[in-house]
Protein backbone atom coordinates (compact mmCIF):
# COMPACT_ATOMS: atom_id res chain seq x y z
CA MET A 1 9.74 23.29 -0.81
CA LEU A 2 6.16 22.41 0.06
CA LEU A 3 4.06 24.81 2.07
CA LEU A 4 3.39 23.65 5.61
CA SER A 5 -0.26 23.25 4.79
CA ARG A 6 -1.93 23.41 1.45
CA SER A 7 -5.20 22.03 0.17
CA LEU A 8 -5.24 20.04 -3.03
CA PRO A 9 -7.59 20.95 -5.88
CA ASP A 10 -11.06 19.39 -5.69
CA HIS A 11 -10.40 17.27 -8.79
CA SER A 12 -7.54 15.41 -7.08
CA LEU A 13 -8.35 11.91 -5.90
CA PHE A 14 -6.94 12.87 -2.55
CA ALA A 15 -8.36 16.31 -1.84
CA THR A 16 -6.73 16.56 1.54
CA THR A 17 -4.12 18.65 3.28
CA PHE A 18 -0.38 18.10 3.24
CA SER A 19 1.10 18.93 6.60
CA LEU A 20 4.38 19.26 8.37
CA ALA A 21 4.62 15.47 8.38
CA LEU A 22 5.45 15.42 4.67
CA ILE A 23 8.05 18.13 5.13
CA VAL A 24 9.69 16.06 7.83
CA ALA A 25 9.53 12.95 5.67
CA LEU A 26 11.13 14.75 2.74
CA CYS A 27 13.88 16.13 4.94
CA THR A 28 14.67 12.72 6.36
CA VAL A 29 14.62 10.73 3.12
CA PRO A 30 17.66 8.47 3.26
CA HIS A 31 20.12 8.71 0.44
CA ALA A 32 20.29 5.45 -1.50
CA ALA A 33 23.81 4.89 -0.24
CA GLN A 34 22.54 4.97 3.34
CA VAL A 35 19.79 2.43 2.77
CA ALA A 36 20.49 -1.28 2.82
CA PHE A 37 19.48 -1.86 -0.77
CA THR A 38 19.67 -5.50 -1.70
CA ALA A 39 21.18 -4.83 -5.10
CA ALA A 40 23.29 -2.36 -7.01
CA SER A 41 22.50 -0.80 -10.38
CA VAL A 42 23.71 -3.72 -12.46
CA VAL A 43 21.03 -6.39 -12.60
CA ASP A 44 22.12 -9.92 -11.78
CA PRO A 45 20.17 -12.14 -14.23
CA THR A 46 20.48 -15.14 -11.91
CA VAL A 47 18.48 -13.25 -9.28
CA ILE A 48 15.56 -12.30 -11.50
CA GLY A 49 15.05 -15.66 -13.20
CA ASN A 50 16.49 -18.80 -14.73
CA ALA A 51 15.97 -21.39 -17.45
CA PRO A 52 16.45 -24.93 -16.09
CA ASP A 53 17.01 -27.82 -18.46
CA ASP A 54 14.32 -29.79 -16.66
CA PRO A 55 11.54 -27.49 -15.42
CA GLY A 56 9.16 -30.40 -14.99
CA PRO A 57 5.88 -31.00 -16.80
CA LEU A 58 3.58 -28.34 -18.10
CA ALA A 59 0.40 -27.66 -16.16
CA ASN A 60 -2.66 -29.62 -17.24
CA ASP A 61 -5.18 -28.17 -14.79
CA LEU A 62 -5.67 -24.67 -16.21
CA SER A 63 -8.77 -23.36 -17.92
CA PRO A 64 -8.31 -20.73 -20.64
CA GLU A 65 -11.88 -19.49 -20.23
CA LEU A 66 -12.30 -15.77 -19.88
CA LYS A 67 -14.26 -16.17 -16.70
CA GLY A 68 -13.37 -14.57 -13.40
CA PRO A 69 -12.81 -17.74 -11.34
CA ALA A 70 -10.66 -19.37 -14.03
CA ILE A 71 -8.51 -16.27 -14.53
CA ARG A 72 -8.00 -15.76 -10.81
CA SER A 73 -7.04 -19.41 -10.37
CA VAL A 74 -4.32 -19.08 -12.99
CA MET A 75 -3.08 -15.83 -11.46
CA ARG A 76 -2.82 -17.46 -8.04
CA LYS A 77 -0.86 -20.39 -9.40
CA VAL A 78 1.72 -18.19 -11.11
CA ALA A 79 1.91 -15.58 -8.35
CA ASP A 80 2.30 -18.23 -5.63
CA TRP A 81 5.19 -19.85 -7.50
CA GLN A 82 6.91 -16.54 -8.16
CA LEU A 83 6.57 -15.36 -4.58
CA ARG A 84 7.87 -18.68 -3.31
CA VAL A 85 11.04 -18.57 -5.40
CA ALA A 86 11.70 -14.83 -5.49
CA GLU A 87 10.58 -13.11 -2.31
CA SER A 88 13.90 -13.72 -0.59
CA LYS A 89 15.60 -12.04 -3.57
CA PHE A 90 13.45 -8.91 -3.74
CA ASN A 91 15.45 -5.80 -4.59
CA SER A 92 14.94 -2.22 -5.75
CA GLN A 93 15.85 -2.64 -9.41
CA TRP A 94 13.58 -2.13 -12.38
CA ALA A 95 13.13 -5.86 -13.04
CA PHE A 96 11.56 -6.44 -9.65
CA ALA A 97 9.66 -3.15 -9.86
CA ALA A 98 7.72 -4.63 -12.77
CA LEU A 99 6.95 -7.71 -10.68
CA TYR A 100 5.71 -5.54 -7.82
CA ASP A 101 3.25 -3.84 -10.19
CA GLY A 102 1.84 -7.25 -11.05
CA LEU A 103 1.74 -8.52 -7.47
CA ILE A 104 -0.18 -5.47 -6.28
CA ALA A 105 -2.65 -5.97 -9.13
CA ALA A 106 -2.91 -9.67 -8.27
CA SER A 107 -4.00 -8.92 -4.72
CA ALA A 108 -6.59 -6.42 -5.93
CA THR A 109 -7.96 -8.98 -8.39
CA THR A 110 -7.85 -12.18 -6.34
CA GLY A 111 -8.64 -10.69 -2.96
CA ILE A 112 -5.57 -12.42 -1.54
CA PRO A 113 -3.50 -9.83 0.38
CA VAL A 114 -0.28 -11.85 0.60
CA TYR A 115 1.06 -10.56 -2.74
CA ARG A 116 0.56 -6.90 -1.89
CA ASP A 117 1.74 -7.51 1.65
CA ALA A 118 5.02 -8.94 0.35
CA VAL A 119 5.66 -5.80 -1.68
CA LYS A 120 4.75 -3.54 1.21
CA HIS A 121 7.00 -5.48 3.57
CA TYR A 122 9.91 -5.01 1.17
CA ALA A 123 9.13 -1.29 0.88
CA GLU A 124 9.24 -1.00 4.65
CA THR A 125 12.62 -2.74 4.83
CA GLN A 126 13.91 -0.12 2.39
CA ARG A 127 12.29 2.73 4.33
CA TRP A 128 10.38 3.49 1.12
CA ALA A 129 13.52 4.81 -0.59
CA VAL A 130 14.08 4.66 -4.33
CA MET A 131 17.49 4.18 -5.89
CA ASP A 132 19.34 7.29 -7.02
CA ASP A 133 22.90 6.21 -7.73
CA ARG A 134 22.39 6.66 -11.50
CA PHE A 135 20.18 9.74 -11.42
CA PRO A 136 18.35 10.66 -13.65
CA HIS A 137 18.23 7.11 -15.09
CA ALA A 138 14.58 6.07 -15.48
CA ASP A 139 15.17 2.49 -14.33
CA ASP A 140 15.95 3.66 -10.83
CA MET A 141 12.61 5.46 -10.60
CA ALA A 142 10.54 2.40 -11.51
CA LEU A 143 10.18 1.37 -7.88
CA GLY A 144 8.25 4.58 -7.27
CA LYS A 145 5.32 3.08 -9.17
CA ALA A 146 4.86 0.43 -6.51
CA TYR A 147 5.36 2.86 -3.63
CA SER A 148 2.84 5.33 -5.03
CA LYS A 149 0.34 2.57 -5.83
CA LEU A 150 0.60 1.22 -2.31
CA TYR A 151 0.06 4.73 -0.99
CA LEU A 152 -2.96 5.37 -3.19
CA THR A 153 -4.59 2.07 -2.28
CA GLU A 154 -4.16 2.48 1.46
CA ALA A 155 -7.10 3.55 3.57
CA ALA A 156 -6.82 7.29 4.15
CA ALA A 157 -5.94 6.77 7.80
CA GLU A 158 -3.09 4.44 6.83
CA GLN A 159 -1.45 6.75 4.27
CA LYS A 160 1.87 8.00 5.60
CA PRO A 161 4.03 10.75 4.07
CA ASP A 162 7.18 8.64 4.21
CA GLN A 163 5.64 6.17 1.74
CA ILE A 164 6.04 8.69 -1.08
CA ALA A 165 8.66 11.10 0.28
CA SER A 166 11.68 9.53 -1.43
CA THR A 167 9.80 9.10 -4.69
CA LYS A 168 8.62 12.71 -4.61
CA ALA A 169 12.09 14.00 -3.77
CA SER A 170 13.54 12.08 -6.72
CA LEU A 171 10.87 13.37 -9.09
CA ASP A 172 11.25 16.94 -7.87
CA ARG A 173 14.94 16.67 -8.59
CA LEU A 174 14.13 15.21 -12.01
CA LEU A 175 12.02 18.24 -12.86
CA THR A 176 15.19 20.35 -12.82
CA HIS A 177 16.66 18.25 -15.66
CA ARG A 178 17.65 20.18 -18.75
CA ASP A 179 17.44 18.48 -22.13
CA LYS A 180 20.61 17.56 -23.94
CA LEU A 181 20.50 17.77 -27.70
CA ALA A 182 22.82 14.80 -28.09
CA LYS A 183 20.68 12.35 -26.15
CA PRO A 184 17.10 12.41 -24.82
CA LEU A 185 16.49 11.82 -21.13
CA TRP A 186 14.45 8.71 -21.97
CA TRP A 187 16.59 7.53 -24.85
CA TRP A 188 15.36 3.91 -24.87
CA CYS A 189 11.72 2.88 -25.17
CA ASP A 190 11.70 0.81 -21.94
CA ALA A 191 12.17 4.07 -20.04
CA LEU A 192 8.63 5.08 -20.94
CA TYR A 193 7.40 2.39 -18.53
CA MET A 194 9.90 3.12 -15.79
CA ALA A 195 9.40 6.85 -15.18
CA PRO A 196 6.36 8.46 -16.89
CA PRO A 197 3.65 6.52 -15.00
CA VAL A 198 5.07 7.47 -11.61
CA LEU A 199 5.19 11.13 -12.65
CA VAL A 200 1.51 11.05 -13.56
CA ARG A 201 0.69 9.22 -10.34
CA MET A 202 2.57 11.80 -8.29
CA SER A 203 0.45 14.49 -9.90
CA LYS A 204 -2.62 12.53 -8.87
CA ILE A 205 -1.37 12.34 -5.28
CA THR A 206 -0.28 15.96 -4.92
CA GLY A 207 -2.59 17.74 -7.35
CA GLU A 208 0.43 19.44 -8.91
CA HIS A 209 0.39 19.43 -12.71
CA LYS A 210 4.11 20.08 -13.05
CA TYR A 211 4.77 16.33 -13.02
CA ILE A 212 2.42 15.71 -15.95
CA ASP A 213 3.83 18.69 -17.83
CA PHE A 214 7.36 17.34 -17.50
CA MET A 215 6.28 13.84 -18.46
CA ASN A 216 4.51 15.09 -21.58
CA HIS A 217 7.52 17.11 -22.68
CA GLU A 218 9.95 14.23 -22.35
CA TRP A 219 7.51 11.66 -23.73
CA ASP A 220 7.15 13.69 -26.91
CA ILE A 221 10.92 13.92 -27.35
CA THR A 222 11.32 10.15 -27.05
CA THR A 223 8.34 9.43 -29.30
CA THR A 224 9.65 11.75 -32.00
CA GLU A 225 12.96 9.91 -32.00
CA LEU A 226 11.86 6.28 -31.63
CA TYR A 227 8.29 5.88 -32.89
CA SER A 228 7.85 4.72 -36.48
CA PRO A 229 4.49 5.94 -37.87
CA PRO A 230 4.41 3.52 -40.84
CA GLU A 231 4.57 0.44 -38.59
CA HIS A 232 3.15 1.98 -35.40
CA PHE A 233 5.91 0.51 -33.25
CA PHE A 234 8.81 1.91 -31.24
CA PHE A 235 12.44 1.16 -31.96
CA ARG A 236 14.25 0.13 -28.82
CA ASP A 237 16.68 3.06 -29.12
CA ALA A 238 18.29 5.17 -31.83
CA SER A 239 20.89 2.50 -32.60
CA TYR A 240 18.08 0.33 -34.03
CA LEU A 241 16.62 2.89 -36.41
CA ASN A 242 18.30 1.29 -39.40
CA LYS A 243 18.57 -2.30 -38.21
CA THR A 244 16.54 -4.98 -39.94
CA GLU A 245 15.45 -8.55 -39.31
CA ALA A 246 16.48 -11.50 -41.46
CA ASN A 247 13.46 -10.90 -43.68
CA GLY A 248 14.52 -7.32 -44.31
CA LYS A 249 11.83 -5.69 -42.18
CA PRO A 250 12.65 -3.19 -39.42
CA SER A 251 13.71 -4.66 -36.09
CA PHE A 252 11.05 -4.00 -33.47
CA TRP A 253 11.57 -5.71 -30.15
CA SER A 254 8.53 -7.33 -28.59
CA ARG A 255 9.19 -6.56 -24.94
CA GLY A 256 10.33 -3.02 -25.72
CA ASN A 257 6.98 -2.26 -27.30
CA GLY A 258 5.31 -4.10 -24.45
CA TRP A 259 6.87 -1.69 -21.99
CA VAL A 260 5.40 1.19 -23.97
CA MET A 261 1.93 -0.37 -24.19
CA ALA A 262 1.87 -0.96 -20.43
CA ALA A 263 3.03 2.61 -19.83
CA LEU A 264 0.14 3.91 -21.91
CA VAL A 265 -2.29 2.01 -19.70
CA MET A 266 -0.79 3.31 -16.47
CA ILE A 267 -0.70 6.88 -17.73
CA LEU A 268 -4.32 6.76 -18.87
CA GLN A 269 -5.41 5.23 -15.57
CA ASP A 270 -4.11 8.21 -13.61
CA LEU A 271 -4.24 11.10 -16.07
CA PRO A 272 -7.22 13.42 -15.44
CA GLY A 273 -10.04 12.69 -17.85
CA HIS A 274 -10.13 16.30 -19.02
CA HIS A 275 -6.39 16.67 -19.55
CA PRO A 276 -5.56 17.99 -23.05
CA SER A 277 -2.78 15.44 -23.57
CA ARG A 278 -5.04 12.46 -22.94
CA SER A 279 -6.03 12.01 -26.58
CA LYS A 280 -2.47 11.45 -27.76
CA PHE A 281 -2.06 8.50 -25.41
CA VAL A 282 -5.41 7.06 -26.43
CA VAL A 283 -4.50 7.32 -30.10
CA LYS A 284 -1.10 5.73 -29.52
CA LEU A 285 -2.66 2.76 -27.75
CA GLN A 286 -5.19 2.38 -30.56
CA GLU A 287 -2.51 2.56 -33.27
CA MET A 288 -0.21 0.05 -31.61
CA ALA A 289 -3.02 -2.35 -30.77
CA ALA A 290 -4.27 -2.35 -34.36
CA ALA A 291 -0.76 -3.02 -35.66
CA LEU A 292 -0.29 -5.90 -33.23
CA VAL A 293 -3.49 -7.60 -34.34
CA ASN A 294 -1.97 -7.99 -37.79
CA VAL A 295 1.07 -9.90 -36.50
CA GLN A 296 -0.51 -12.06 -33.79
CA GLY A 297 0.63 -15.66 -34.13
CA SER A 298 -1.67 -18.61 -34.73
CA ASP A 299 -0.98 -19.59 -31.11
CA GLY A 300 -2.28 -16.21 -29.96
CA LEU A 301 1.16 -14.85 -29.08
CA TRP A 302 3.85 -12.58 -30.49
CA ARG A 303 7.49 -13.35 -31.24
CA SER A 304 10.56 -11.57 -29.94
CA GLY A 305 11.02 -9.84 -33.29
CA ILE A 306 7.56 -8.49 -34.03
CA LEU A 307 7.81 -8.28 -37.82
CA ASP A 308 9.84 -11.45 -38.43
CA PRO A 309 8.14 -14.22 -36.44
CA ALA A 310 9.59 -16.96 -38.63
CA SER A 311 13.09 -16.20 -37.33
CA TYR A 312 12.21 -16.94 -33.70
CA ASP A 313 11.46 -20.42 -32.45
CA LEU A 314 9.32 -19.52 -29.46
CA PRO A 315 6.64 -16.98 -28.67
CA GLU A 316 7.74 -14.32 -26.17
CA ILE A 317 5.54 -14.09 -23.09
CA SER A 318 6.56 -10.78 -21.51
CA GLY A 319 5.74 -8.76 -24.62
CA SER A 320 2.61 -10.82 -25.29
CA ALA A 321 1.42 -10.29 -21.70
CA PHE A 322 1.94 -6.54 -21.85
CA TYR A 323 0.01 -6.39 -25.13
CA THR A 324 -2.82 -8.40 -23.60
CA TYR A 325 -2.85 -6.09 -20.59
CA ALA A 326 -3.08 -3.00 -22.81
CA MET A 327 -5.74 -4.40 -25.11
CA ALA A 328 -7.88 -5.66 -22.22
CA TYR A 329 -7.60 -2.25 -20.58
CA GLY A 330 -8.51 -0.64 -23.88
CA ILE A 331 -11.69 -2.71 -23.99
CA ASN A 332 -12.52 -1.96 -20.37
CA ALA A 333 -12.01 1.77 -20.84
CA HIS A 334 -13.85 1.77 -24.19
CA ILE A 335 -10.77 2.84 -26.05
CA LEU A 336 -10.82 -0.36 -28.13
CA ASP A 337 -13.81 -2.08 -29.70
CA ILE A 338 -14.89 -5.12 -27.70
CA LYS A 339 -16.06 -7.12 -30.71
CA THR A 340 -12.69 -6.72 -32.41
CA TYR A 341 -10.35 -7.13 -29.47
CA ARG A 342 -12.04 -9.59 -27.12
CA PRO A 343 -11.21 -12.54 -29.42
CA ILE A 344 -7.63 -11.25 -29.68
CA VAL A 345 -7.06 -11.14 -25.92
CA ALA A 346 -8.89 -14.43 -25.40
CA LYS A 347 -6.56 -16.13 -27.87
CA ALA A 348 -3.50 -14.51 -26.30
CA TRP A 349 -4.51 -15.58 -22.78
CA ALA A 350 -5.10 -19.15 -23.91
CA GLY A 351 -1.72 -19.14 -25.62
CA MET A 352 0.11 -17.89 -22.54
CA LEU A 353 -1.43 -20.62 -20.39
CA THR A 354 0.30 -23.27 -22.50
CA HIS A 355 3.64 -21.99 -21.15
CA ILE A 356 2.81 -22.46 -17.47
CA TYR A 357 4.42 -25.43 -15.75
CA ALA A 358 2.83 -27.69 -13.16
CA ASP A 359 4.56 -25.89 -10.29
CA GLY A 360 3.42 -22.46 -11.52
CA ARG A 361 6.55 -21.41 -13.42
CA LEU A 362 5.74 -19.11 -16.32
CA GLY A 363 8.10 -19.93 -19.18
CA SER A 364 9.04 -18.58 -22.61
CA ILE A 365 10.08 -15.20 -21.18
CA GLN A 366 13.08 -13.70 -22.94
CA PRO A 367 15.81 -12.93 -20.37
CA ILE A 368 17.20 -9.41 -20.02
CA ASN A 369 18.06 -8.06 -23.44
CA SER A 370 17.63 -5.04 -25.67
CA ALA A 371 16.77 -6.78 -28.91
CA PRO A 372 14.97 -9.83 -30.30
CA GLY A 373 16.67 -13.11 -29.50
CA GLN A 374 16.37 -16.82 -28.81
CA PHE A 375 15.81 -18.42 -25.40
CA LYS A 376 14.76 -21.70 -23.79
CA PRO A 377 11.14 -22.76 -23.26
CA SER A 378 11.70 -22.82 -19.49
CA ALA A 379 13.12 -19.28 -19.34
CA SER A 380 11.36 -17.22 -16.67
CA SER A 381 12.05 -13.74 -15.31
CA VAL A 382 10.23 -11.68 -12.71
CA PHE A 383 9.30 -8.84 -15.07
CA GLY A 384 7.48 -11.27 -17.36
CA VAL A 385 5.49 -12.62 -14.44
CA GLY A 386 4.61 -9.06 -13.47
CA ALA A 387 3.33 -8.44 -17.00
CA PHE A 388 1.29 -11.66 -16.90
CA LEU A 389 -0.37 -10.72 -13.61
CA LEU A 390 -1.22 -7.28 -14.97
CA ALA A 391 -2.81 -8.94 -18.00
CA GLY A 392 -4.82 -11.26 -15.78
CA SER A 393 -6.03 -8.34 -13.69
CA GLU A 394 -7.48 -6.53 -16.70
CA LEU A 395 -8.95 -9.70 -18.19
CA ALA A 396 -10.66 -10.48 -14.89
CA HIS A 397 -12.14 -7.01 -14.93
CA LEU A 398 -13.40 -7.66 -18.44
CA THR A 399 -15.51 -10.55 -17.14
CA ILE A 400 -17.40 -8.41 -14.63
CA HIS A 401 -21.00 -7.74 -15.61
CA PRO A 402 -21.26 -4.40 -17.43
CA THR A 403 -23.55 -2.89 -14.80
CA ALA A 404 -20.89 -3.44 -12.15
CA ARG A 405 -17.88 -2.44 -14.22
CA LYS A 406 -17.17 1.13 -13.13
CA ALA A 407 -13.54 1.10 -12.09
CA ARG A 408 -11.82 1.92 -15.37
CA PRO A 409 -11.39 5.55 -16.45
CA GLY A 410 -13.92 6.50 -19.09
CA ALA A 411 -15.73 3.16 -18.94
CA GLN A 412 -19.34 3.32 -20.08
CA ILE A 413 -21.76 0.47 -20.61
CA THR A 414 -22.41 -0.33 -24.26
CA ARG A 415 -25.45 -2.09 -25.64
CA HIS A 416 -23.68 -5.16 -27.01
CA GLU A 417 -21.48 -5.91 -24.00
CA LYS A 418 -24.04 -7.96 -22.13
CA ASP A 419 -24.05 -10.60 -24.86
CA LEU A 420 -20.27 -10.80 -25.00
CA LEU A 421 -19.41 -10.86 -21.31
CA MET A 422 -20.41 -13.20 -18.49
């Protein structure tokens, strides 16, 4: 139970006072069963995307230049299409939660509020409630990332306790979880995107370190089980530890590792700069990025099976977009060397643009799965679009003149940046 009034530590972004309003909000959080959620736990793949036989022609009006106007133009094209075809289908599941992350970033990058407004409108229709019918399943906490981001990016006068009350109640309940030796809480690598970032963000909002402490504990358990130090990739879950690709190499799923890379970014964005666990996330991002450079395709993209690209006909956009997002962030935060990684992300961005159709559809996104697989060129899903918009947001930030680039944690101007950026 929160105290009726307590001041947050000075280091918190929001050093303010929680009042009775948050208590009331927490006490009136609607149970998921009482809220008119638009979907149940089982994801309907026809709602989140499709793969038409005739998607129309590919776009021929896109510039792959890493320049702010060009990047924002591409983001608008894809975001406009996705919003047009998907807004009426918005729901509270993890797949859409990933899209919401991208839409919020798209508004911040393009200056067009309609994308963020659409997410906020949906949140309001749900009374800001997260799903809890599978508690403590991480997927059902993914929506809390959007809610907490909306809260953090509101003007102080517009922040309302009910925007985070359900998310906080769910996380507080999660903190009572006791580990089971037979199966980790986050037993599949995707879970590292769904839950850990919102825990760190809740710590940022409340100033309470218990959320970070819990996240670190569970993150380490999952990493110990699923991370392979020789390759610097994560297995999707324990059932894949001994599975191999057709070429005999271990089976590492592109999107699964993309989820992890994106999670690393979101954690580092909100984790206090002085926190003792920060270095482990920095090192993990550096290790995975370096490993990905070695398997980047000639088209700038990565295949569904990371270590056996020859077995997969098409590049996979959702994983590729998440990697681009993480590497661009790494450059912006001076975690990754700009001379090494700028050409990598530039090539990846150019490659992704060749899979955008004239109407704005983003194709070559593997549908819902848990392993590498084949799919159609026209295949599109909302989570892949979310990843793409996140990538665009970091790339756009990369184009800002060094003297103006202050938004990324730990960013410092380096002597050679001016020659490499706009």
